[in-house]
Amino acid sequence: MDGTDNGAAQSRSEWAEAAEREAARRRLLEQAEADRVPVDDTTRAVPDRRWRRDHP
């Protein structure tokens, strides 16, 4: 037992974790893009100024 197998296993483990993180990141980005509302579809807030007509 010189530790080379352990190092290789750890390297494979780290590679697998990195691949899982990348896959999760891509899934999140795809979901965010699917949920995104285009700017053209949003409405602009318009202030309500009716109170000024009620009070001269």
N, C-alpha and C. Protein backbone atom coordinates (compact mmCIF):
# COMPACT_ATOMS: atom_id res chain seq x y z
N MET A 1 0.84 -1.18 0.00
CA MET A 1 0.00 0.00 0.00
C MET A 1 0.88 1.25 0.00
N ASP A 2 1.14 1.75 -1.15
CA ASP A 2 1.96 2.94 -1.24
C ASP A 2 1.14 4.21 -1.41
N GLY A 3 -0.20 4.07 -1.49
CA GLY A 3 -1.06 5.23 -1.53
C GLY A 3 -1.40 5.70 -2.93
N THR A 4 -0.86 5.07 -3.96
CA THR A 4 -1.15 5.51 -5.32
C THR A 4 -2.59 5.22 -5.69
N ASP A 5 -3.14 4.09 -5.26
CA ASP A 5 -4.53 3.78 -5.56
C ASP A 5 -5.46 4.77 -4.87
N ASN A 6 -5.12 5.14 -3.65
CA ASN A 6 -5.93 6.10 -2.92
C ASN A 6 -5.92 7.45 -3.62
N GLY A 7 -4.77 7.86 -4.12
CA GLY A 7 -4.66 9.13 -4.84
C GLY A 7 -5.45 9.11 -6.13
N ALA A 8 -5.42 7.99 -6.84
CA ALA A 8 -6.18 7.88 -8.08
C ALA A 8 -7.67 7.90 -7.79
N ALA A 9 -8.08 7.22 -6.73
CA ALA A 9 -9.49 7.20 -6.36
C ALA A 9 -9.95 8.60 -5.97
N GLN A 10 -9.10 9.31 -5.26
CA GLN A 10 -9.45 10.68 -4.86
C GLN A 10 -9.53 11.57 -6.09
N SER A 11 -8.62 11.38 -7.03
CA SER A 11 -8.65 12.17 -8.25
C SER A 11 -9.93 11.91 -9.04
N ARG A 12 -10.33 10.64 -9.15
CA ARG A 12 -11.58 10.31 -9.84
C ARG A 12 -12.77 10.90 -9.10
N SER A 13 -12.71 10.86 -7.79
CA SER A 13 -13.79 11.41 -6.97
C SER A 13 -13.91 12.93 -7.18
N GLU A 14 -12.77 13.60 -7.19
CA GLU A 14 -12.78 15.05 -7.42
C GLU A 14 -13.29 15.38 -8.81
N TRP A 15 -12.89 14.58 -9.80
CA TRP A 15 -13.36 14.79 -11.17
C TRP A 15 -14.87 14.60 -11.26
N ALA A 16 -15.38 13.56 -10.59
CA ALA A 16 -16.82 13.29 -10.61
C ALA A 16 -17.58 14.43 -9.94
N GLU A 17 -17.07 14.94 -8.82
CA GLU A 17 -17.72 16.05 -8.13
C GLU A 17 -17.73 17.30 -9.00
N ALA A 18 -16.63 17.55 -9.69
CA ALA A 18 -16.56 18.72 -10.57
C ALA A 18 -17.56 18.57 -11.72
N ALA A 19 -17.69 17.37 -12.26
CA ALA A 19 -18.65 17.14 -13.34
C ALA A 19 -20.08 17.32 -12.84
N GLU A 20 -20.36 16.87 -11.62
CA GLU A 20 -21.70 17.05 -11.04
C GLU A 20 -22.00 18.52 -10.81
N ARG A 21 -21.00 19.27 -10.31
CA ARG A 21 -21.20 20.71 -10.10
C ARG A 21 -21.48 21.42 -11.42
N GLU A 22 -20.73 21.06 -12.46
CA GLU A 22 -20.93 21.68 -13.77
C GLU A 22 -22.31 21.35 -14.32
N ALA A 23 -22.75 20.10 -14.17
CA ALA A 23 -24.08 19.70 -14.64
C ALA A 23 -25.16 20.46 -13.88
N ALA A 24 -24.98 20.60 -12.57
CA ALA A 24 -25.96 21.34 -11.77
C ALA A 24 -25.99 22.81 -12.17
N ARG A 25 -24.82 23.37 -12.44
CA ARG A 25 -24.74 24.78 -12.85
C ARG A 25 -25.48 24.98 -14.17
N ARG A 26 -25.27 24.06 -15.10
CA ARG A 26 -25.95 24.17 -16.40
C ARG A 26 -27.46 24.02 -16.25
N ARG A 27 -27.90 23.10 -15.38
CA ARG A 27 -29.34 22.94 -15.15
C ARG A 27 -29.94 24.21 -14.58
N LEU A 28 -29.25 24.81 -13.62
CA LEU A 28 -29.75 26.05 -13.02
C LEU A 28 -29.83 27.17 -14.05
N LEU A 29 -28.81 27.29 -14.89
CA LEU A 29 -28.83 28.33 -15.92
C LEU A 29 -29.95 28.10 -16.93
N GLU A 30 -30.16 26.84 -17.32
CA GLU A 30 -31.24 26.53 -18.25
C GLU A 30 -32.60 26.84 -17.63
N GLN A 31 -32.76 26.51 -16.34
CA GLN A 31 -34.03 26.78 -15.67
C GLN A 31 -34.24 28.29 -15.53
N ALA A 32 -33.20 29.02 -15.19
CA ALA A 32 -33.32 30.48 -15.06
C ALA A 32 -33.68 31.10 -16.40
N GLU A 33 -33.09 30.61 -17.47
CA GLU A 33 -33.40 31.14 -18.80
C GLU A 33 -34.84 30.83 -19.16
N ALA A 34 -35.32 29.65 -18.81
CA ALA A 34 -36.71 29.27 -19.12
C ALA A 34 -37.69 30.11 -18.30
N ASP A 35 -37.32 30.48 -17.08
CA ASP A 35 -38.21 31.25 -16.20
C ASP A 35 -38.11 32.76 -16.43
N ARG A 36 -37.12 33.19 -17.20
CA ARG A 36 -36.88 34.61 -17.40
C ARG A 36 -38.04 35.25 -18.17
N VAL A 37 -38.43 36.43 -17.74
CA VAL A 37 -39.49 37.18 -18.42
C VAL A 37 -38.80 38.25 -19.27
N PRO A 38 -39.02 38.24 -20.58
CA PRO A 38 -38.38 39.26 -21.42
C PRO A 38 -38.81 40.67 -21.01
N VAL A 39 -37.93 41.61 -21.22
CA VAL A 39 -38.20 43.00 -20.83
C VAL A 39 -39.44 43.52 -21.55
N ASP A 40 -39.63 43.13 -22.78
CA ASP A 40 -40.79 43.61 -23.55
C ASP A 40 -42.11 43.16 -22.94
N ASP A 41 -42.10 42.06 -22.18
CA ASP A 41 -43.33 41.52 -21.59
C ASP A 41 -43.64 42.11 -20.22
N THR A 42 -42.77 42.93 -19.70
CA THR A 42 -43.02 43.52 -18.39
C THR A 42 -43.73 44.85 -18.56
N THR A 43 -44.44 45.26 -17.54
CA THR A 43 -45.12 46.55 -17.59
C THR A 43 -44.36 47.55 -16.75
N ARG A 44 -44.47 48.78 -17.13
CA ARG A 44 -43.78 49.84 -16.41
C ARG A 44 -44.69 50.37 -15.32
N ALA A 45 -44.15 50.61 -14.16
CA ALA A 45 -44.94 51.16 -13.06
C ALA A 45 -45.26 52.62 -13.37
N VAL A 46 -46.52 52.97 -13.26
CA VAL A 46 -46.96 54.34 -13.50
C VAL A 46 -47.47 54.89 -12.18
N PRO A 47 -46.95 56.03 -11.74
CA PRO A 47 -47.40 56.58 -10.46
C PRO A 47 -48.87 56.98 -10.51
N ASP A 48 -49.53 56.77 -9.41
CA ASP A 48 -50.94 57.11 -9.29
C ASP A 48 -51.04 58.55 -8.81
N ARG A 49 -51.48 59.45 -9.67
CA ARG A 49 -51.52 60.87 -9.32
C ARG A 49 -52.95 61.38 -9.12
N ARG A 50 -53.89 60.47 -8.96
CA ARG A 50 -55.27 60.90 -8.79
C ARG A 50 -55.46 61.73 -7.54
N TRP A 51 -54.65 61.51 -6.53
CA TRP A 51 -54.80 62.25 -5.27
C TRP A 51 -54.61 63.75 -5.50
N ARG A 52 -53.84 64.14 -6.49
CA ARG A 52 -53.63 65.57 -6.75
C ARG A 52 -54.91 66.25 -7.25
N ARG A 53 -55.74 65.53 -7.97
CA ARG A 53 -57.00 66.09 -8.46
C ARG A 53 -57.97 66.28 -7.30
N ASP A 54 -57.89 65.43 -6.30
CA ASP A 54 -58.81 65.52 -5.15
C ASP A 54 -58.48 66.70 -4.23
N HIS A 55 -57.23 67.11 -4.21
CA HIS A 55 -56.81 68.17 -3.32
C HIS A 55 -56.21 69.32 -4.11
N PRO A 56 -56.95 70.42 -4.24
CA PRO A 56 -56.45 71.56 -5.03
C PRO A 56 -55.26 72.25 -4.40
